[in-house]
Amino acid sequence: MTRNVRFYITIVTSVLFVYISFMHFLGYWKFDPTIQVLDFFIMVAAVFNAGYTTNEYLNNKNKS
């Protein structure tokens, strides 16, 4: 998998988890308490992963 594809997949995953979390908090979807906690922690991990991947992508882009 190329770096560009991995970068875009990570960004899209992060945006989708943030979207799912906010749709739940706005009241459009109802989750069990266990799913709420899992969704929140997965969203946080996805956002940190997107930030880390973006940092790697930009550092490698500036070196070449």
C-alpha atoms as a PDB file:
ATOM      1  CA  MET A   1       0.000   0.000   0.000  1.00  0.00           C
ATOM      2  CA  THR A   2       1.451   3.346  -0.963  1.00  0.00           C
ATOM      3  CA  ARG A   3       1.862   6.170   1.519  1.00  0.00           C
ATOM      4  CA  ASN A   4      -0.785   8.313  -0.155  1.00  0.00           C
ATOM      5  CA  VAL A   5      -3.416   5.581   0.080  1.00  0.00           C
ATOM      6  CA  ARG A   6      -2.578   4.876   3.732  1.00  0.00           C
ATOM      7  CA  PHE A   7      -2.679   8.593   4.491  1.00  0.00           C
ATOM      8  CA  TYR A   8      -6.129   9.081   2.919  1.00  0.00           C
ATOM      9  CA  ILE A   9      -7.583   5.933   4.498  1.00  0.00           C
ATOM     10  CA  THR A  10      -6.439   7.114   7.928  1.00  0.00           C
ATOM     11  CA  ILE A  11      -7.928  10.575   7.419  1.00  0.00           C
ATOM     12  CA  VAL A  12     -11.255   9.198   6.145  1.00  0.00           C
ATOM     13  CA  THR A  13     -11.463   6.736   9.059  1.00  0.00           C
ATOM     14  CA  SER A  14     -10.864   9.521  11.546  1.00  0.00           C
ATOM     15  CA  VAL A  15     -13.481  11.778   9.979  1.00  0.00           C
ATOM     16  CA  LEU A  16     -16.053   8.965   9.923  1.00  0.00           C
ATOM     17  CA  PHE A  17     -15.550   8.126  13.609  1.00  0.00           C
ATOM     18  CA  VAL A  18     -15.861  11.798  14.540  1.00  0.00           C
ATOM     19  CA  TYR A  19     -19.060  11.977  12.450  1.00  0.00           C
ATOM     20  CA  ILE A  20     -20.515   8.881  14.130  1.00  0.00           C
ATOM     21  CA  SER A  21     -19.706  10.238  17.593  1.00  0.00           C
ATOM     22  CA  PHE A  22     -21.247  13.636  16.941  1.00  0.00           C
ATOM     23  CA  MET A  23     -24.365  12.132  15.362  1.00  0.00           C
ATOM     24  CA  HIS A  24     -24.817  10.116  18.524  1.00  0.00           C
ATOM     25  CA  PHE A  25     -24.246  13.107  20.806  1.00  0.00           C
ATOM     26  CA  LEU A  26     -26.725  15.167  18.785  1.00  0.00           C
ATOM     27  CA  GLY A  27     -29.347  12.479  19.366  1.00  0.00           C
ATOM     28  CA  TYR A  28     -29.780  11.058  15.870  1.00  0.00           C
ATOM     29  CA  TRP A  29     -28.605   7.576  16.911  1.00  0.00           C
ATOM     30  CA  LYS A  30     -28.974   5.659  20.165  1.00  0.00           C
ATOM     31  CA  PHE A  31     -26.211   3.407  21.482  1.00  0.00           C
ATOM     32  CA  ASP A  32     -25.821   1.156  24.501  1.00  0.00           C
ATOM     33  CA  PRO A  33     -23.513   2.586  27.204  1.00  0.00           C
ATOM     34  CA  THR A  34     -20.774   0.086  26.318  1.00  0.00           C
ATOM     35  CA  ILE A  35     -20.888   1.087  22.662  1.00  0.00           C
ATOM     36  CA  GLN A  36     -20.778   4.767  23.654  1.00  0.00           C
ATOM     37  CA  VAL A  37     -17.534   4.263  25.566  1.00  0.00           C
ATOM     38  CA  LEU A  38     -15.991   2.149  22.802  1.00  0.00           C
ATOM     39  CA  ASP A  39     -17.013   4.662  20.141  1.00  0.00           C
ATOM     40  CA  PHE A  40     -15.472   7.535  22.078  1.00  0.00           C
ATOM     41  CA  PHE A  41     -12.140   5.779  22.661  1.00  0.00           C
ATOM     42  CA  ILE A  42     -11.956   4.563  19.059  1.00  0.00           C
ATOM     43  CA  MET A  43     -12.652   8.132  17.898  1.00  0.00           C
ATOM     44  CA  VAL A  44      -9.847   9.506  20.089  1.00  0.00           C
ATOM     45  CA  ALA A  45      -7.421   6.826  18.880  1.00  0.00           C
ATOM     46  CA  ALA A  46      -8.381   7.483  15.237  1.00  0.00           C
ATOM     47  CA  VAL A  47      -7.788  11.223  15.610  1.00  0.00           C
ATOM     48  CA  PHE A  48      -4.362  10.685  17.208  1.00  0.00           C
ATOM     49  CA  ASN A  49      -3.490   8.139  14.507  1.00  0.00           C
ATOM     50  CA  ALA A  50      -4.506  10.628  11.804  1.00  0.00           C
ATOM     51  CA  GLY A  51      -2.336  13.295  13.394  1.00  0.00           C
ATOM     52  CA  TYR A  52       0.641  10.967  13.630  1.00  0.00           C
ATOM     53  CA  THR A  53       0.217   9.786  10.037  1.00  0.00           C
ATOM     54  CA  THR A  54      -0.151  13.380   8.826  1.00  0.00           C
ATOM     55  CA  ASN A  55       3.065  14.324  10.624  1.00  0.00           C
ATOM     56  CA  GLU A  56       4.932  11.410   8.994  1.00  0.00           C
ATOM     57  CA  TYR A  57       3.456  12.239   5.585  1.00  0.00           C
ATOM     58  CA  LEU A  58       4.447  15.901   5.786  1.00  0.00           C
ATOM     59  CA  ASN A  59       7.946  15.131   7.099  1.00  0.00           C
ATOM     60  CA  ASN A  60       8.565  12.665   4.267  1.00  0.00           C
ATOM     61  CA  LYS A  61       7.140  15.110   1.735  1.00  0.00           C
ATOM     62  CA  ASN A  62       9.482  17.893   2.907  1.00  0.00           C
ATOM     63  CA  LYS A  63      12.560  15.622   2.761  1.00  0.00           C
ATOM     64  CA  SER A  64      12.061  14.645  -0.880  1.00  0.00           C
END
